[in-house]
């Protein structure tokens, strides 16, 4: 964790560089620091996934409407200031990346951040984390 999941109307695939957006969002997540300067997210645990909706209906269906929903799920323990800063930074990336489309037609963007406050099961197995946890 953290996992940022994008769910979007499939029309955005033709008009937006979704793989590029995923990379830009992951890079911005990795840039985030808390008040003490410590990285907010671990490199090996930072993931961005994007899925076009198999089926969708947006608004009244009378226009060329697009929509992107982004949900960031992170573990508990980060401050409200970190939540706000991360949210503002990720929204900035989303708006910047989608700006050409936002100028052409109506597109909605929603970003939500959820913090895991009560885990009932959390198992992990990774050969990815050790790549980034080596002493400098």
C-alpha atoms as a PDB file:
ATOM      1  CA  UNK A   1       0.000   0.000   0.000  1.00  0.00           C
ATOM      2  CA  UNK A   2      -0.653   2.797  -1.114  1.00  0.00           C
ATOM      3  CA  UNK A   3      -2.823   1.834  -4.032  1.00  0.00           C
ATOM      4  CA  UNK A   4      -4.299   4.431  -6.356  1.00  0.00           C
ATOM      5  CA  UNK A   5      -7.033   2.984  -8.564  1.00  0.00           C
ATOM      6  CA  UNK A   6      -8.433   4.861 -11.543  1.00  0.00           C
ATOM      7  CA  UNK A   7     -11.807   3.916 -12.975  1.00  0.00           C
ATOM      8  CA  UNK A   8     -12.782   5.870 -16.058  1.00  0.00           C
ATOM      9  CA  UNK A   9     -15.127   6.032 -19.017  1.00  0.00           C
ATOM     10  CA  UNK A  10     -13.573   4.065 -21.874  1.00  0.00           C
ATOM     11  CA  UNK A  11     -13.719   7.031 -24.263  1.00  0.00           C
ATOM     12  CA  UNK A  12     -10.773   8.534 -22.377  1.00  0.00           C
ATOM     13  CA  UNK A  13      -8.518   5.769 -23.702  1.00  0.00           C
ATOM     14  CA  UNK A  14      -8.595   7.306 -27.175  1.00  0.00           C
ATOM     15  CA  UNK A  15      -8.000  10.860 -26.003  1.00  0.00           C
ATOM     16  CA  UNK A  16      -5.752  10.622 -22.942  1.00  0.00           C
ATOM     17  CA  UNK A  17      -2.421   8.957 -22.299  1.00  0.00           C
ATOM     18  CA  UNK A  18      -3.635   6.780 -19.435  1.00  0.00           C
ATOM     19  CA  UNK A  19      -0.311   4.889 -19.049  1.00  0.00           C
ATOM     20  CA  UNK A  20       1.456   8.251 -18.888  1.00  0.00           C
ATOM     21  CA  UNK A  21      -1.070   9.473 -16.341  1.00  0.00           C
ATOM     22  CA  UNK A  22      -0.411   6.394 -14.175  1.00  0.00           C
ATOM     23  CA  UNK A  23       3.328   7.048 -14.249  1.00  0.00           C
ATOM     24  CA  UNK A  24       2.870  10.763 -13.480  1.00  0.00           C
ATOM     25  CA  UNK A  25       0.630   9.947 -10.520  1.00  0.00           C
ATOM     26  CA  UNK A  26       3.041   7.328  -9.159  1.00  0.00           C
ATOM     27  CA  UNK A  27       5.954   9.738  -9.538  1.00  0.00           C
ATOM     28  CA  UNK A  28       4.047  12.456  -7.686  1.00  0.00           C
ATOM     29  CA  UNK A  29       3.166  10.009  -4.910  1.00  0.00           C
ATOM     30  CA  UNK A  30       6.833   9.149  -4.524  1.00  0.00           C
ATOM     31  CA  UNK A  31       7.737  12.856  -4.256  1.00  0.00           C
ATOM     32  CA  UNK A  32       5.454  13.395  -1.245  1.00  0.00           C
ATOM     33  CA  UNK A  33       7.131  14.148   2.091  1.00  0.00           C
ATOM     34  CA  UNK A  34       5.728  14.576   5.580  1.00  0.00           C
ATOM     35  CA  UNK A  35       6.551  17.479   7.930  1.00  0.00           C
ATOM     36  CA  UNK A  36       9.849  15.856   8.922  1.00  0.00           C
ATOM     37  CA  UNK A  37      10.895  15.342   5.286  1.00  0.00           C
ATOM     38  CA  UNK A  38      10.319  11.598   5.356  1.00  0.00           C
ATOM     39  CA  UNK A  39       8.736   9.994   2.262  1.00  0.00           C
ATOM     40  CA  UNK A  40       5.000   9.525   2.752  1.00  0.00           C
ATOM     41  CA  UNK A  41       4.850   6.355   0.648  1.00  0.00           C
ATOM     42  CA  UNK A  42       7.287   3.447   0.258  1.00  0.00           C
ATOM     43  CA  UNK A  43       8.705   3.103  -3.238  1.00  0.00           C
ATOM     44  CA  UNK A  44       8.077  -0.635  -3.471  1.00  0.00           C
ATOM     45  CA  UNK A  45       4.494  -0.317  -2.234  1.00  0.00           C
ATOM     46  CA  UNK A  46       3.380   2.534  -4.488  1.00  0.00           C
ATOM     47  CA  UNK A  47       0.988   1.315  -7.163  1.00  0.00           C
ATOM     48  CA  UNK A  48      -1.335   2.956  -9.662  1.00  0.00           C
ATOM     49  CA  UNK A  49      -3.867   0.857 -11.563  1.00  0.00           C
ATOM     50  CA  UNK A  50      -6.276   2.092 -14.239  1.00  0.00           C
ATOM     51  CA  UNK A  51      -9.405   0.396 -15.546  1.00  0.00           C
ATOM     52  CA  UNK A  52     -11.811   1.556 -18.221  1.00  0.00           C
ATOM     53  CA  UNK A  53     -15.389   0.836 -17.185  1.00  0.00           C
ATOM     54  CA  UNK A  54     -16.845  -2.062 -19.154  1.00  0.00           C
ATOM     55  CA  UNK A  55     -20.233  -0.358 -18.978  1.00  0.00           C
ATOM     56  CA  UNK A  56     -21.149   3.158 -17.975  1.00  0.00           C
ATOM     57  CA  UNK A  57     -23.766   5.904 -18.112  1.00  0.00           C
ATOM     58  CA  UNK A  58     -22.764   9.496 -17.379  1.00  0.00           C
ATOM     59  CA  UNK A  59     -25.218  12.279 -16.611  1.00  0.00           C
ATOM     60  CA  UNK A  60     -28.149  12.438 -19.052  1.00  0.00           C
ATOM     61  CA  UNK A  61     -26.330  10.622 -21.852  1.00  0.00           C
ATOM     62  CA  UNK A  62     -27.004  13.503 -24.238  1.00  0.00           C
ATOM     63  CA  UNK A  63     -23.404  14.684 -24.556  1.00  0.00           C
ATOM     64  CA  UNK A  64     -19.848  13.556 -25.044  1.00  0.00           C
ATOM     65  CA  UNK A  65     -19.261  13.207 -21.317  1.00  0.00           C
ATOM     66  CA  UNK A  66     -16.235  11.627 -19.744  1.00  0.00           C
ATOM     67  CA  UNK A  67     -15.470  10.755 -16.169  1.00  0.00           C
ATOM     68  CA  UNK A  68     -12.495   9.591 -14.130  1.00  0.00           C
ATOM     69  CA  UNK A  69     -12.742   8.358 -10.541  1.00  0.00           C
ATOM     70  CA  UNK A  70      -9.506   8.047  -8.571  1.00  0.00           C
ATOM     71  CA  UNK A  71      -9.385   6.325  -5.202  1.00  0.00           C
ATOM     72  CA  UNK A  72      -6.224   6.307  -3.108  1.00  0.00           C
ATOM     73  CA  UNK A  73      -6.191   3.743  -0.333  1.00  0.00           C
ATOM     74  CA  UNK A  74      -3.426   4.110   2.237  1.00  0.00           C
ATOM     75  CA  UNK A  75      -2.578   2.741   5.635  1.00  0.00           C
ATOM     76  CA  UNK A  76      -3.429   4.702   8.754  1.00  0.00           C
ATOM     77  CA  UNK A  77      -1.107   6.957  10.698  1.00  0.00           C
ATOM     78  CA  UNK A  78      -0.585   9.932   8.421  1.00  0.00           C
ATOM     79  CA  UNK A  79      -1.594  13.438   9.455  1.00  0.00           C
ATOM     80  CA  UNK A  80      -4.499  15.452   8.083  1.00  0.00           C
ATOM     81  CA  UNK A  81      -1.938  17.825   6.557  1.00  0.00           C
ATOM     82  CA  UNK A  82      -0.388  14.916   4.656  1.00  0.00           C
ATOM     83  CA  UNK A  83      -3.823  13.792   3.441  1.00  0.00           C
ATOM     84  CA  UNK A  84      -4.567  17.288   2.152  1.00  0.00           C
ATOM     85  CA  UNK A  85      -1.158  17.768   0.565  1.00  0.00           C
ATOM     86  CA  UNK A  86      -1.259  14.384  -1.170  1.00  0.00           C
ATOM     87  CA  UNK A  87      -4.812  15.010  -2.375  1.00  0.00           C
ATOM     88  CA  UNK A  88      -3.984  18.474  -3.708  1.00  0.00           C
ATOM     89  CA  UNK A  89      -0.887  17.168  -5.476  1.00  0.00           C
ATOM     90  CA  UNK A  90      -2.664  14.213  -7.097  1.00  0.00           C
ATOM     91  CA  UNK A  91      -5.583  16.388  -8.200  1.00  0.00           C
ATOM     92  CA  UNK A  92      -3.090  18.794  -9.756  1.00  0.00           C
ATOM     93  CA  UNK A  93      -1.583  15.936 -11.798  1.00  0.00           C
ATOM     94  CA  UNK A  94      -5.024  14.727 -12.890  1.00  0.00           C
ATOM     95  CA  UNK A  95      -6.138  18.207 -13.966  1.00  0.00           C
ATOM     96  CA  UNK A  96      -2.857  18.982 -15.719  1.00  0.00           C
ATOM     97  CA  UNK A  97      -2.809  15.675 -17.589  1.00  0.00           C
ATOM     98  CA  UNK A  98      -6.464  15.873 -18.624  1.00  0.00           C
ATOM     99  CA  UNK A  99      -6.520  19.636 -19.271  1.00  0.00           C
ATOM    100  CA  UNK A 100      -6.561  19.356 -23.094  1.00  0.00           C
ATOM    101  CA  UNK A 101      -9.698  17.215 -22.856  1.00  0.00           C
ATOM    102  CA  UNK A 102     -11.246  19.397 -20.160  1.00  0.00           C
ATOM    103  CA  UNK A 103     -10.941  22.312 -22.582  1.00  0.00           C
ATOM    104  CA  UNK A 104     -12.733  20.367 -25.349  1.00  0.00           C
ATOM    105  CA  UNK A 105     -15.627  18.680 -23.583  1.00  0.00           C
ATOM    106  CA  UNK A 106     -17.233  18.004 -20.209  1.00  0.00           C
ATOM    107  CA  UNK A 107     -15.220  15.596 -18.074  1.00  0.00           C
ATOM    108  CA  UNK A 108     -15.700  14.977 -14.394  1.00  0.00           C
ATOM    109  CA  UNK A 109     -12.849  14.084 -12.078  1.00  0.00           C
ATOM    110  CA  UNK A 110     -13.310  12.742  -8.563  1.00  0.00           C
ATOM    111  CA  UNK A 111     -10.428  11.958  -6.219  1.00  0.00           C
ATOM    112  CA  UNK A 112     -11.062  10.257  -2.894  1.00  0.00           C
ATOM    113  CA  UNK A 113      -8.545   9.199  -0.286  1.00  0.00           C
ATOM    114  CA  UNK A 114      -9.409   6.399   2.102  1.00  0.00           C
ATOM    115  CA  UNK A 115      -7.331   5.535   5.108  1.00  0.00           C
ATOM    116  CA  UNK A 116      -7.409   2.022   6.453  1.00  0.00           C
ATOM    117  CA  UNK A 117      -8.332   2.426  10.099  1.00  0.00           C
ATOM    118  CA  UNK A 118      -9.356  -1.110  10.930  1.00  0.00           C
ATOM    119  CA  UNK A 119      -7.801  -3.996   9.129  1.00  0.00           C
ATOM    120  CA  UNK A 120      -9.165  -7.427   9.800  1.00  0.00           C
ATOM    121  CA  UNK A 121      -6.632  -9.186   7.587  1.00  0.00           C
ATOM    122  CA  UNK A 122      -3.548  -7.837   5.870  1.00  0.00           C
ATOM    123  CA  UNK A 123      -1.148 -10.325   4.307  1.00  0.00           C
ATOM    124  CA  UNK A 124       1.722  -9.374   2.058  1.00  0.00           C
ATOM    125  CA  UNK A 125       4.311 -11.266   0.089  1.00  0.00           C
ATOM    126  CA  UNK A 126       6.682  -9.293  -2.092  1.00  0.00           C
ATOM    127  CA  UNK A 127      10.012  -9.623  -3.800  1.00  0.00           C
ATOM    128  CA  UNK A 128       9.592  -5.976  -4.871  1.00  0.00           C
ATOM    129  CA  UNK A 129      10.151  -4.196  -1.533  1.00  0.00           C
ATOM    130  CA  UNK A 130      13.675  -5.583  -0.994  1.00  0.00           C
ATOM    131  CA  UNK A 131      14.807  -3.818  -4.176  1.00  0.00           C
ATOM    132  CA  UNK A 132      14.207  -0.455  -2.527  1.00  0.00           C
ATOM    133  CA  UNK A 133      15.043  -1.237   1.111  1.00  0.00           C
ATOM    134  CA  UNK A 134      18.773  -1.722   0.633  1.00  0.00           C
ATOM    135  CA  UNK A 135      21.122   0.361   2.782  1.00  0.00           C
ATOM    136  CA  UNK A 136      22.575   3.310   0.922  1.00  0.00           C
END
